[in-house]
Amino acid sequence: VDPLHYRNLTGKGVRVAIVDGGLDYLHPALGAGFGPGYRIENGWDFVGDNVNPDDDPYGDCSNHATHTAGILFANDSSGDTGFRGVAPRVSVEDYRVFDCNGMSTSDVVVRAVLL
């Protein structure tokens, strides 16, 4: 991806929604937080840790999308690895639609996509 970054193609001005089983937004390369001022600015947990949906998409049991998020927008330029994702300057929303067992229903996924 270095050739893209050299051409200043970093995702700036693009908004991406990750619809998955949750991600570890506390990881330093992923912004170390959630909400305004963090890399993941917005999101929703449609399935909840105990089947109680809430406005925090972090899951205690599954952070399946962490890998995808790293490829997409990680930025560890000041950390140990120096790893940068394909689009380290995108705006990110995270919608958790899979429960701790990796299960969901089509209506939950559709609600997240339409949000």
PDB file of N, CA and C in Angstrom:
ATOM      1  N   VAL A   1       0.802  -1.212   0.000  1.00  0.00           N
ATOM      2  CA  VAL A   1       0.000   0.000   0.000  1.00  0.00           C
ATOM      3  C   VAL A   1       0.838   1.267   0.000  1.00  0.00           C
ATOM      4  N   ASP A   2       2.138   1.120   0.158  1.00  0.00           N
ATOM      5  CA  ASP A   2       2.989   2.308   0.178  1.00  0.00           C
ATOM      6  C   ASP A   2       2.806   3.195  -1.049  1.00  0.00           C
ATOM      7  N   PRO A   3       2.693   2.633  -2.261  1.00  0.00           N
ATOM      8  CA  PRO A   3       2.484   3.510  -3.422  1.00  0.00           C
ATOM      9  C   PRO A   3       1.221   4.374  -3.305  1.00  0.00           C
ATOM     10  N   LEU A   4       0.181   3.847  -2.691  1.00  0.00           N
ATOM     11  CA  LEU A   4      -1.037   4.649  -2.473  1.00  0.00           C
ATOM     12  C   LEU A   4      -0.765   5.788  -1.506  1.00  0.00           C
ATOM     13  N   HIS A   5      -0.087   5.464  -0.420  1.00  0.00           N
ATOM     14  CA  HIS A   5       0.216   6.489   0.583  1.00  0.00           C
ATOM     15  C   HIS A   5       1.134   7.564   0.017  1.00  0.00           C
ATOM     16  N   TYR A   6       2.096   7.167  -0.824  1.00  0.00           N
ATOM     17  CA  TYR A   6       2.986   8.150  -1.453  1.00  0.00           C
ATOM     18  C   TYR A   6       2.212   9.114  -2.346  1.00  0.00           C
ATOM     19  N   ARG A   7       1.092   8.639  -2.893  1.00  0.00           N
ATOM     20  CA  ARG A   7       0.245   9.490  -3.738  1.00  0.00           C
ATOM     21  C   ARG A   7      -0.803  10.217  -2.900  1.00  0.00           C
ATOM     22  N   ASN A   8      -0.674  10.129  -1.573  1.00  0.00           N
ATOM     23  CA  ASN A   8      -1.582  10.779  -0.628  1.00  0.00           C
ATOM     24  C   ASN A   8      -3.007  10.231  -0.706  1.00  0.00           C
ATOM     25  N   LEU A   9      -3.134   8.964  -1.079  1.00  0.00           N
ATOM     26  CA  LEU A   9      -4.433   8.286  -1.066  1.00  0.00           C
ATOM     27  C   LEU A   9      -4.529   7.528   0.249  1.00  0.00           C
ATOM     28  N   THR A  10      -5.122   8.179   1.238  1.00  0.00           N
ATOM     29  CA  THR A  10      -5.142   7.638   2.598  1.00  0.00           C
ATOM     30  C   THR A  10      -6.544   7.435   3.155  1.00  0.00           C
ATOM     31  N   GLY A  11      -7.555   7.714   2.354  1.00  0.00           N
ATOM     32  CA  GLY A  11      -8.922   7.575   2.822  1.00  0.00           C
ATOM     33  C   GLY A  11      -9.506   8.845   3.416  1.00  0.00           C
ATOM     34  N   LYS A  12      -8.759   9.907   3.443  1.00  0.00           N
ATOM     35  CA  LYS A  12      -9.264  11.163   4.007  1.00  0.00           C
ATOM     36  C   LYS A  12     -10.526  11.587   3.246  1.00  0.00           C
ATOM     37  N   GLY A  13     -11.577  11.913   4.014  1.00  0.00           N
ATOM     38  CA  GLY A  13     -12.843  12.326   3.420  1.00  0.00           C
ATOM     39  C   GLY A  13     -13.788  11.181   3.116  1.00  0.00           C
ATOM     40  N   VAL A  14     -13.374   9.949   3.415  1.00  0.00           N
ATOM     41  CA  VAL A  14     -14.207   8.766   3.160  1.00  0.00           C
ATOM     42  C   VAL A  14     -14.708   8.218   4.492  1.00  0.00           C
ATOM     43  N   ARG A  15     -15.973   7.827   4.535  1.00  0.00           N
ATOM     44  CA  ARG A  15     -16.550   7.215   5.730  1.00  0.00           C
ATOM     45  C   ARG A  15     -16.828   5.749   5.435  1.00  0.00           C
ATOM     46  N   VAL A  16     -16.400   4.870   6.360  1.00  0.00           N
ATOM     47  CA  VAL A  16     -16.567   3.431   6.211  1.00  0.00           C
ATOM     48  C   VAL A  16     -17.293   2.887   7.429  1.00  0.00           C
ATOM     49  N   ALA A  17     -18.247   1.995   7.185  1.00  0.00           N
ATOM     50  CA  ALA A  17     -18.936   1.305   8.274  1.00  0.00           C
ATOM     51  C   ALA A  17     -18.492  -0.153   8.282  1.00  0.00           C
ATOM     52  N   ILE A  18     -18.052  -0.621   9.434  1.00  0.00           N
ATOM     53  CA  ILE A  18     -17.698  -2.026   9.603  1.00  0.00           C
ATOM     54  C   ILE A  18     -18.891  -2.700  10.277  1.00  0.00           C
ATOM     55  N   VAL A  19     -19.460  -3.686   9.602  1.00  0.00           N
ATOM     56  CA  VAL A  19     -20.620  -4.434  10.109  1.00  0.00           C
ATOM     57  C   VAL A  19     -20.135  -5.853  10.354  1.00  0.00           C
ATOM     58  N   ASP A  20     -19.946  -6.209  11.627  1.00  0.00           N
ATOM     59  CA  ASP A  20     -19.299  -7.480  11.957  1.00  0.00           C
ATOM     60  C   ASP A  20     -19.596  -7.830  13.411  1.00  0.00           C
ATOM     61  N   GLY A  21     -18.696  -8.587  14.015  1.00  0.00           N
ATOM     62  CA  GLY A  21     -18.884  -9.040  15.382  1.00  0.00           C
ATOM     63  C   GLY A  21     -18.222  -8.160  16.418  1.00  0.00           C
ATOM     64  N   GLY A  22     -17.827  -6.978  16.065  1.00  0.00           N
ATOM     65  CA  GLY A  22     -17.179  -6.079  17.013  1.00  0.00           C
ATOM     66  C   GLY A  22     -15.687  -6.040  16.786  1.00  0.00           C
ATOM     67  N   LEU A  23     -15.060  -4.966  17.261  1.00  0.00           N
ATOM     68  CA  LEU A  23     -13.614  -4.865  17.125  1.00  0.00           C
ATOM     69  C   LEU A  23     -13.019  -4.224  18.369  1.00  0.00           C
ATOM     70  N   ASP A  24     -11.760  -4.499  18.574  1.00  0.00           N
ATOM     71  CA  ASP A  24     -11.057  -3.977  19.748  1.00  0.00           C
ATOM     72  C   ASP A  24     -10.590  -2.555  19.475  1.00  0.00           C
ATOM     73  N   TYR A  25     -11.509  -1.614  19.652  1.00  0.00           N
ATOM     74  CA  TYR A  25     -11.152  -0.214  19.392  1.00  0.00           C
ATOM     75  C   TYR A  25     -10.230   0.366  20.454  1.00  0.00           C
ATOM     76  N   LEU A  26      -9.948  -0.390  21.492  1.00  0.00           N
ATOM     77  CA  LEU A  26      -9.002   0.068  22.516  1.00  0.00           C
ATOM     78  C   LEU A  26      -7.551  -0.136  22.090  1.00  0.00           C
ATOM     79  N   HIS A  27      -7.335  -0.888  21.016  1.00  0.00           N
ATOM     80  CA  HIS A  27      -5.977  -1.121  20.525  1.00  0.00           C
ATOM     81  C   HIS A  27      -5.374   0.213  20.060  1.00  0.00           C
ATOM     82  N   PRO A  28      -4.146   0.508  20.455  1.00  0.00           N
ATOM     83  CA  PRO A  28      -3.539   1.798  20.093  1.00  0.00           C
ATOM     84  C   PRO A  28      -3.499   2.067  18.587  1.00  0.00           C
ATOM     85  N   ALA A  29      -3.266   1.051  17.777  1.00  0.00           N
ATOM     86  CA  ALA A  29      -3.196   1.256  16.325  1.00  0.00           C
ATOM     87  C   ALA A  29      -4.566   1.525  15.717  1.00  0.00           C
ATOM     88  N   LEU A  30      -5.637   1.262  16.491  1.00  0.00           N
ATOM     89  CA  LEU A  30      -6.997   1.503  16.012  1.00  0.00           C
ATOM     90  C   LEU A  30      -7.631   2.718  16.691  1.00  0.00           C
ATOM     91  N   GLY A  31      -6.833   3.495  17.377  1.00  0.00           N
ATOM     92  CA  GLY A  31      -7.316   4.747  17.937  1.00  0.00           C
ATOM     93  C   GLY A  31      -7.490   4.791  19.429  1.00  0.00           C
ATOM     94  N   ALA A  32      -7.456   3.633  20.116  1.00  0.00           N
ATOM     95  CA  ALA A  32      -7.485   3.551  21.581  1.00  0.00           C
ATOM     96  C   ALA A  32      -8.723   4.166  22.211  1.00  0.00           C
ATOM     97  N   GLY A  33      -9.857   4.134  21.520  1.00  0.00           N
ATOM     98  CA  GLY A  33     -11.085   4.662  22.111  1.00  0.00           C
ATOM     99  C   GLY A  33     -12.229   4.663  21.122  1.00  0.00           C
ATOM    100  N   PHE A  34     -13.354   5.147  21.588  1.00  0.00           N
ATOM    101  CA  PHE A  34     -14.577   5.155  20.798  1.00  0.00           C
ATOM    102  C   PHE A  34     -15.339   6.439  21.055  1.00  0.00           C
ATOM    103  N   GLY A  35     -15.810   7.074  19.999  1.00  0.00           N
ATOM    104  CA  GLY A  35     -16.623   8.268  20.117  1.00  0.00           C
ATOM    105  C   GLY A  35     -15.959   9.458  19.446  1.00  0.00           C
ATOM    106  N   PRO A  36     -16.555  10.627  19.598  1.00  0.00           N
ATOM    107  CA  PRO A  36     -15.992  11.834  18.987  1.00  0.00           C
ATOM    108  C   PRO A  36     -14.533  12.033  19.408  1.00  0.00           C
ATOM    109  N   GLY A  37     -13.687  12.311  18.437  1.00  0.00           N
ATOM    110  CA  GLY A  37     -12.276  12.509  18.702  1.00  0.00           C
ATOM    111  C   GLY A  37     -11.431  11.249  18.571  1.00  0.00           C
ATOM    112  N   TYR A  38     -12.073  10.099  18.418  1.00  0.00           N
ATOM    113  CA  TYR A  38     -11.350   8.845  18.228  1.00  0.00           C
ATOM    114  C   TYR A  38     -11.504   8.375  16.779  1.00  0.00           C
ATOM    115  N   ARG A  39     -10.720   7.375  16.409  1.00  0.00           N
ATOM    116  CA  ARG A  39     -10.790   6.848  15.044  1.00  0.00           C
ATOM    117  C   ARG A  39     -12.169   6.274  14.745  1.00  0.00           C
ATOM    118  N   ILE A  40     -12.718   5.529  15.684  1.00  0.00           N
ATOM    119  CA  ILE A  40     -14.073   4.999  15.516  1.00  0.00           C
ATOM    120  C   ILE A  40     -15.006   5.993  16.188  1.00  0.00           C
ATOM    121  N   GLU A  41     -15.659   6.786  15.346  1.00  0.00           N
ATOM    122  CA  GLU A  41     -16.428   7.924  15.836  1.00  0.00           C
ATOM    123  C   GLU A  41     -17.840   7.567  16.257  1.00  0.00           C
ATOM    124  N   ASN A  42     -18.390   6.532  15.659  1.00  0.00           N
ATOM    125  CA  ASN A  42     -19.799   6.227  15.863  1.00  0.00           C
ATOM    126  C   ASN A  42     -20.001   4.731  15.739  1.00  0.00           C
ATOM    127  N   GLY A  43     -21.096   4.231  16.282  1.00  0.00           N
ATOM    128  CA  GLY A  43     -21.409   2.812  16.156  1.00  0.00           C
ATOM    129  C   GLY A  43     -22.541   2.402  17.053  1.00  0.00           C
ATOM    130  N   TRP A  44     -22.855   1.125  17.002  1.00  0.00           N
ATOM    131  CA  TRP A  44     -23.950   0.582  17.794  1.00  0.00           C
ATOM    132  C   TRP A  44     -23.757  -0.910  17.944  1.00  0.00           C
ATOM    133  N   ASP A  45     -24.136  -1.439  19.092  1.00  0.00           N
ATOM    134  CA  ASP A  45     -24.107  -2.877  19.353  1.00  0.00           C
ATOM    135  C   ASP A  45     -25.548  -3.378  19.243  1.00  0.00           C
ATOM    136  N   PHE A  46     -25.849  -4.062  18.153  1.00  0.00           N
ATOM    137  CA  PHE A  46     -27.210  -4.542  17.908  1.00  0.00           C
ATOM    138  C   PHE A  46     -27.546  -5.811  18.666  1.00  0.00           C
ATOM    139  N   VAL A  47     -26.545  -6.515  19.181  1.00  0.00           N
ATOM    140  CA  VAL A  47     -26.801  -7.796  19.843  1.00  0.00           C
ATOM    141  C   VAL A  47     -26.457  -7.786  21.320  1.00  0.00           C
ATOM    142  N   GLY A  48     -25.625  -6.889  21.769  1.00  0.00           N
ATOM    143  CA  GLY A  48     -25.298  -6.774  23.186  1.00  0.00           C
ATOM    144  C   GLY A  48     -24.512  -7.947  23.719  1.00  0.00           C
ATOM    145  N   ASP A  49     -23.758  -7.695  24.773  1.00  0.00           N
ATOM    146  CA  ASP A  49     -22.980  -8.766  25.384  1.00  0.00           C
ATOM    147  C   ASP A  49     -23.888  -9.774  26.071  1.00  0.00           C
ATOM    148  N   ASN A  50     -24.996  -9.328  26.583  1.00  0.00           N
ATOM    149  CA  ASN A  50     -25.971 -10.215  27.230  1.00  0.00           C
ATOM    150  C   ASN A  50     -27.329 -10.041  26.575  1.00  0.00           C
ATOM    151  N   VAL A  51     -27.327  -9.954  25.272  1.00  0.00           N
ATOM    152  CA  VAL A  51     -28.525  -9.749  24.454  1.00  0.00           C
ATOM    153  C   VAL A  51     -29.222  -8.443  24.825  1.00  0.00           C
ATOM    154  N   ASN A  52     -28.440  -7.460  25.233  1.00  0.00           N
ATOM    155  CA  ASN A  52     -28.946  -6.131  25.531  1.00  0.00           C
ATOM    156  C   ASN A  52     -28.257  -5.129  24.623  1.00  0.00           C
ATOM    157  N   PRO A  53     -28.868  -4.779  23.497  1.00  0.00           N
ATOM    158  CA  PRO A  53     -28.250  -3.807  22.583  1.00  0.00           C
ATOM    159  C   PRO A  53     -27.945  -2.492  23.297  1.00  0.00           C
ATOM    160  N   ASP A  54     -26.868  -1.840  22.870  1.00  0.00           N
ATOM    161  CA  ASP A  54     -26.505  -0.552  23.462  1.00  0.00           C
ATOM    162  C   ASP A  54     -25.656   0.243  22.475  1.00  0.00           C
ATOM    163  N   ASP A  55     -25.272   1.432  22.882  1.00  0.00           N
ATOM    164  CA  ASP A  55     -24.544   2.321  21.977  1.00  0.00           C
ATOM    165  C   ASP A  55     -23.034   2.120  21.991  1.00  0.00           C
ATOM    166  N   ASP A  56     -22.557   1.044  22.614  1.00  0.00           N
ATOM    167  CA  ASP A  56     -21.128   0.745  22.649  1.00  0.00           C
ATOM    168  C   ASP A  56     -20.880  -0.576  21.919  1.00  0.00           C
ATOM    169  N   PRO A  57     -20.281  -0.537  20.726  1.00  0.00           N
ATOM    170  CA  PRO A  57     -20.110  -1.756  19.936  1.00  0.00           C
ATOM    171  C   PRO A  57     -19.000  -2.687  20.404  1.00  0.00           C
ATOM    172  N   TYR A  58     -18.304  -2.345  21.491  1.00  0.00           N
ATOM    173  CA  TYR A  58     -17.250  -3.237  21.983  1.00  0.00           C
ATOM    174  C   TYR A  58     -17.883  -4.484  22.570  1.00  0.00           C
ATOM    175  N   GLY A  59     -17.387  -5.650  22.198  1.00  0.00           N
ATOM    176  CA  GLY A  59     -17.898  -6.904  22.734  1.00  0.00           C
ATOM    177  C   GLY A  59     -16.900  -7.561  23.652  1.00  0.00           C
ATOM    178  N   ASP A  60     -17.384  -8.120  24.732  1.00  0.00           N
ATOM    179  CA  ASP A  60     -16.501  -8.797  25.678  1.00  0.00           C
ATOM    180  C   ASP A  60     -16.049 -10.168  25.179  1.00  0.00           C
ATOM    181  N   CYS A  61     -16.742 -10.701  24.173  1.00  0.00           N
ATOM    182  CA  CYS A  61     -16.461 -12.075  23.786  1.00  0.00           C
ATOM    183  C   CYS A  61     -15.957 -12.237  22.365  1.00  0.00           C
ATOM    184  N   SER A  62     -16.218 -11.306  21.504  1.00  0.00           N
ATOM    185  CA  SER A  62     -15.807 -11.461  20.115  1.00  0.00           C
ATOM    186  C   SER A  62     -15.419 -10.112  19.534  1.00  0.00           C
ATOM    187  N   ASN A  63     -14.223 -10.056  19.044  1.00  0.00           N
ATOM    188  CA  ASN A  63     -13.759  -8.855  18.353  1.00  0.00           C
ATOM    189  C   ASN A  63     -13.252  -9.262  16.979  1.00  0.00           C
ATOM    190  N   HIS A  64     -14.081 -10.014  16.294  1.00  0.00           N
ATOM    191  CA  HIS A  64     -13.753 -10.603  15.002  1.00  0.00           C
ATOM    192  C   HIS A  64     -13.292  -9.573  13.985  1.00  0.00           C
ATOM    193  N   ALA A  65     -13.829  -8.375  14.026  1.00  0.00           N
ATOM    194  CA  ALA A  65     -13.518  -7.366  13.010  1.00  0.00           C
ATOM    195  C   ALA A  65     -12.195  -6.640  13.257  1.00  0.00           C
ATOM    196  N   THR A  66     -11.504  -6.952  14.344  1.00  0.00           N
ATOM    197  CA  THR A  66     -10.242  -6.277  14.635  1.00  0.00           C
ATOM    198  C   THR A  66      -9.240  -6.478  13.503  1.00  0.00           C
ATOM    199  N   HIS A  67      -9.173  -7.674  12.988  1.00  0.00           N
ATOM    200  CA  HIS A  67      -8.259  -7.974  11.878  1.00  0.00           C
ATOM    201  C   HIS A  67      -8.605  -7.127  10.654  1.00  0.00           C
ATOM    202  N   THR A  68      -9.870  -7.104  10.300  1.00  0.00           N
ATOM    203  CA  THR A  68     -10.327  -6.311   9.159  1.00  0.00           C
ATOM    204  C   THR A  68     -10.033  -4.830   9.382  1.00  0.00           C
ATOM    205  N   ALA A  69     -10.306  -4.353  10.581  1.00  0.00           N
ATOM    206  CA  ALA A  69     -10.071  -2.944  10.900  1.00  0.00           C
ATOM    207  C   ALA A  69      -8.593  -2.590  10.766  1.00  0.00           C
ATOM    208  N   GLY A  70      -7.721  -3.494  11.186  1.00  0.00           N
ATOM    209  CA  GLY A  70      -6.291  -3.254  11.069  1.00  0.00           C
ATOM    210  C   GLY A  70      -5.849  -3.105   9.626  1.00  0.00           C
ATOM    211  N   ILE A  71      -6.351  -3.972   8.776  1.00  0.00           N
ATOM    212  CA  ILE A  71      -6.022  -3.886   7.354  1.00  0.00           C
ATOM    213  C   ILE A  71      -6.557  -2.578   6.775  1.00  0.00           C
ATOM    214  N   LEU A  72      -7.741  -2.208   7.194  1.00  0.00           N
ATOM    215  CA  LEU A  72      -8.384  -1.020   6.642  1.00  0.00           C
ATOM    216  C   LEU A  72      -7.740   0.288   7.114  1.00  0.00           C
ATOM    217  N   PHE A  73      -7.647   0.500   8.442  1.00  0.00           N
ATOM    218  CA  PHE A  73      -7.281   1.849   8.897  1.00  0.00           C
ATOM    219  C   PHE A  73      -6.263   1.929  10.032  1.00  0.00           C
ATOM    220  N   ALA A  74      -5.603   0.835  10.372  1.00  0.00           N
ATOM    221  CA  ALA A  74      -4.622   0.900  11.466  1.00  0.00           C
ATOM    222  C   ALA A  74      -3.573   1.972  11.189  1.00  0.00           C
ATOM    223  N   ASN A  75      -3.088   2.566  12.272  1.00  0.00           N
ATOM    224  CA  ASN A  75      -2.018   3.545  12.138  1.00  0.00           C
ATOM    225  C   ASN A  75      -1.136   3.440  13.376  1.00  0.00           C
ATOM    226  N   ASP A  76      -0.099   2.628  13.259  1.00  0.00           N
ATOM    227  CA  ASP A  76       0.832   2.400  14.366  1.00  0.00           C
ATOM    228  C   ASP A  76       2.169   3.080  14.059  1.00  0.00           C
ATOM    229  N   SER A  77       2.095   4.262  13.467  1.00  0.00           N
ATOM    230  CA  SER A  77       3.320   4.951  13.040  1.00  0.00           C
ATOM    231  C   SER A  77       4.234   5.292  14.204  1.00  0.00           C
ATOM    232  N   SER A  78       3.698   5.432  15.406  1.00  0.00           N
ATOM    233  CA  SER A  78       4.547   5.753  16.551  1.00  0.00           C
ATOM    234  C   SER A  78       4.740   4.551  17.465  1.00  0.00           C
ATOM    235  N   GLY A  79       4.196   3.393  17.079  1.00  0.00           N
ATOM    236  CA  GLY A  79       4.301   2.196  17.906  1.00  0.00           C
ATOM    237  C   GLY A  79       5.457   1.300  17.505  1.00  0.00           C
ATOM    238  N   ASP A  80       5.383   0.065  17.960  1.00  0.00           N
ATOM    239  CA  ASP A  80       6.458  -0.891  17.727  1.00  0.00           C
ATOM    240  C   ASP A  80       6.543  -1.383  16.285  1.00  0.00           C
ATOM    241  N   THR A  81       5.406  -1.463  15.604  1.00  0.00           N
ATOM    242  CA  THR A  81       5.403  -2.097  14.292  1.00  0.00           C
ATOM    243  C   THR A  81       5.526  -1.119  13.127  1.00  0.00           C
ATOM    244  N   GLY A  82       5.049   0.101  13.293  1.00  0.00           N
ATOM    245  CA  GLY A  82       5.035   1.051  12.185  1.00  0.00           C
ATOM    246  C   GLY A  82       4.005   0.715  11.133  1.00  0.00           C
ATOM    247  N   PHE A  83       3.133  -0.225  11.445  1.00  0.00           N
ATOM    248  CA  PHE A  83       2.132  -0.691  10.476  1.00  0.00           C
ATOM    249  C   PHE A  83       1.073   0.364  10.217  1.00  0.00           C
ATOM    250  N   ARG A  84       0.720   0.538   8.936  1.00  0.00           N
ATOM    251  CA  ARG A  84      -0.387   1.417   8.551  1.00  0.00           C
ATOM    252  C   ARG A  84      -1.306   0.641   7.640  1.00  0.00           C
ATOM    253  N   GLY A  85      -2.593   0.778   7.871  1.00  0.00           N
ATOM    254  CA  GLY A  85      -3.577   0.134   7.025  1.00  0.00           C
ATOM    255  C   GLY A  85      -3.662   0.807   5.667  1.00  0.00           C
ATOM    256  N   VAL A  86      -4.510   0.254   4.824  1.00  0.00           N
ATOM    257  CA  VAL A  86      -4.673   0.767   3.468  1.00  0.00           C
ATOM    258  C   VAL A  86      -5.167   2.209   3.478  1.00  0.00           C
ATOM    259  N   ALA A  87      -6.095   2.529   4.355  1.00  0.00           N
ATOM    260  CA  ALA A  87      -6.694   3.868   4.390  1.00  0.00           C
ATOM    261  C   ALA A  87      -6.676   4.405   5.821  1.00  0.00           C
ATOM    262  N   PRO A  88      -5.514   4.790   6.322  1.00  0.00           N
ATOM    263  CA  PRO A  88      -5.395   5.165   7.730  1.00  0.00           C
ATOM    264  C   PRO A  88      -6.117   6.451   8.133  1.00  0.00           C
ATOM    265  N   ARG A  89      -6.672   7.195   7.170  1.00  0.00           N
ATOM    266  CA  ARG A  89      -7.346   8.448   7.523  1.00  0.00           C
ATOM    267  C   ARG A  89      -8.854   8.416   7.265  1.00  0.00           C
ATOM    268  N   VAL A  90      -9.421   7.224   7.039  1.00  0.00           N
ATOM    269  CA  VAL A  90     -10.872   7.151   6.856  1.00  0.00           C
ATOM    270  C   VAL A  90     -11.577   7.446   8.173  1.00  0.00           C
ATOM    271  N   SER A  91     -12.820   7.885   8.083  1.00  0.00           N
ATOM    272  CA  SER A  91     -13.695   8.002   9.253  1.00  0.00           C
ATOM    273  C   SER A  91     -14.401   6.665   9.392  1.00  0.00           C
ATOM    274  N   VAL A  92     -14.482   6.150  10.612  1.00  0.00           N
ATOM    275  CA  VAL A  92     -14.971   4.788  10.809  1.00  0.00           C
ATOM    276  C   VAL A  92     -16.172   4.748  11.740  1.00  0.00           C
ATOM    277  N   GLU A  93     -17.135   3.907  11.361  1.00  0.00           N
ATOM    278  CA  GLU A  93     -18.265   3.559  12.217  1.00  0.00           C
ATOM    279  C   GLU A  93     -18.234   2.049  12.407  1.00  0.00           C
ATOM    280  N   ASP A  94     -18.603   1.583  13.586  1.00  0.00           N
ATOM    281  CA  ASP A  94     -18.556   0.156  13.906  1.00  0.00           C
ATOM    282  C   ASP A  94     -19.924  -0.312  14.366  1.00  0.00           C
ATOM    283  N   TYR A  95     -20.474  -1.296  13.669  1.00  0.00           N
ATOM    284  CA  TYR A  95     -21.782  -1.846  14.010  1.00  0.00           C
ATOM    285  C   TYR A  95     -21.643  -3.329  14.290  1.00  0.00           C
ATOM    286  N   ARG A  96     -21.843  -3.697  15.541  1.00  0.00           N
ATOM    287  CA  ARG A  96     -21.726  -5.092  15.960  1.00  0.00           C
ATOM    288  C   ARG A  96     -23.065  -5.787  15.742  1.00  0.00           C
ATOM    289  N   VAL A  97     -23.059  -6.810  14.884  1.00  0.00           N
ATOM    290  CA  VAL A  97     -24.294  -7.510  14.548  1.00  0.00           C
ATOM    291  C   VAL A  97     -24.236  -9.004  14.862  1.00  0.00           C
ATOM    292  N   PHE A  98     -23.068  -9.508  15.238  1.00  0.00           N
ATOM    293  CA  PHE A  98     -22.948 -10.932  15.570  1.00  0.00           C
ATOM    294  C   PHE A  98     -22.722 -11.077  17.068  1.00  0.00           C
ATOM    295  N   ASP A  99     -23.422 -12.026  17.680  1.00  0.00           N
ATOM    296  CA  ASP A  99     -23.309 -12.219  19.123  1.00  0.00           C
ATOM    297  C   ASP A  99     -22.057 -13.016  19.469  1.00  0.00           C
ATOM    298  N   CYS A 100     -21.937 -13.396  20.735  1.00  0.00           N
ATOM    299  CA  CYS A 100     -20.748 -14.105  21.216  1.00  0.00           C
ATOM    300  C   CYS A 100     -20.566 -15.474  20.565  1.00  0.00           C
ATOM    301  N   ASN A 101     -21.621 -16.010  19.988  1.00  0.00           N
ATOM    302  CA  ASN A 101     -21.540 -17.294  19.288  1.00  0.00           C
ATOM    303  C   ASN A 101     -21.375 -17.119  17.786  1.00  0.00           C
ATOM    304  N   GLY A 102     -21.217 -15.885  17.339  1.00  0.00           N
ATOM    305  CA  GLY A 102     -21.073 -15.621  15.914  1.00  0.00           C
ATOM    306  C   GLY A 102     -22.387 -15.697  15.159  1.00  0.00           C
ATOM    307  N   MET A 103     -23.490 -15.578  15.879  1.00  0.00           N
ATOM    308  CA  MET A 103     -24.814 -15.708  15.275  1.00  0.00           C
ATOM    309  C   MET A 103     -25.489 -14.347  15.140  1.00  0.00           C
ATOM    310  N   SER A 104     -26.368 -14.269  14.150  1.00  0.00           N
ATOM    311  CA  SER A 104     -27.187 -13.085  13.947  1.00  0.00           C
ATOM    312  C   SER A 104     -28.382 -13.479  13.106  1.00  0.00           C
ATOM    313  N   THR A 105     -29.221 -12.519  12.828  1.00  0.00           N
ATOM    314  CA  THR A 105     -30.352 -12.748  11.935  1.00  0.00           C
ATOM    315  C   THR A 105     -30.282 -11.711  10.820  1.00  0.00           C
ATOM    316  N   SER A 106     -30.921 -11.991   9.729  1.00  0.00           N
ATOM    317  CA  SER A 106     -30.858 -11.077   8.589  1.00  0.00           C
ATOM    318  C   SER A 106     -31.452  -9.713   8.922  1.00  0.00           C
ATOM    319  N   ASP A 107     -32.491  -9.662   9.765  1.00  0.00           N
ATOM    320  CA  ASP A 107     -33.082  -8.363  10.088  1.00  0.00           C
ATOM    321  C   ASP A 107     -32.119  -7.491  10.887  1.00  0.00           C
ATOM    322  N   VAL A 108     -31.288  -8.081  11.733  1.00  0.00           N
ATOM    323  CA  VAL A 108     -30.296  -7.320  12.493  1.00  0.00           C
ATOM    324  C   VAL A 108     -29.235  -6.748  11.552  1.00  0.00           C
ATOM    325  N   VAL A 109     -28.760  -7.550  10.625  1.00  0.00           N
ATOM    326  CA  VAL A 109     -27.743  -7.094   9.682  1.00  0.00           C
ATOM    327  C   VAL A 109     -28.320  -5.976   8.788  1.00  0.00           C
ATOM    328  N   VAL A 110     -29.540  -6.146   8.335  1.00  0.00           N
ATOM    329  CA  VAL A 110     -30.171  -5.122   7.479  1.00  0.00           C
ATOM    330  C   VAL A 110     -30.338  -3.822   8.255  1.00  0.00           C
ATOM    331  N   ARG A 111     -30.747  -3.887   9.525  1.00  0.00           N
ATOM    332  CA  ARG A 111     -30.885  -2.667  10.328  1.00  0.00           C
ATOM    333  C   ARG A 111     -29.547  -1.921  10.439  1.00  0.00           C
ATOM    334  N   ALA A 112     -28.472  -2.675  10.614  1.00  0.00           N
ATOM    335  CA  ALA A 112     -27.151  -2.041  10.732  1.00  0.00           C
ATOM    336  C   ALA A 112     -26.738  -1.389   9.404  1.00  0.00           C
ATOM    337  N   VAL A 113     -26.992  -2.068   8.312  1.00  0.00           N
ATOM    338  CA  VAL A 113     -26.612  -1.524   7.011  1.00  0.00           C
ATOM    339  C   VAL A 113     -27.412  -0.268   6.689  1.00  0.00           C
ATOM    340  N   LEU A 114     -28.666  -0.230   7.092  1.00  0.00           N
ATOM    341  CA  LEU A 114     -29.515   0.915   6.794  1.00  0.00           C
ATOM    342  C   LEU A 114     -29.311   2.095   7.738  1.00  0.00           C
ATOM    343  N   LEU A 115     -28.636   1.864   8.858  1.00  0.00           N
ATOM    344  CA  LEU A 115     -28.433   2.940   9.836  1.00  0.00           C
ATOM    345  C   LEU A 115     -27.554   3.963   9.293  1.00  0.00           C
TER     346      LEU A 115
END
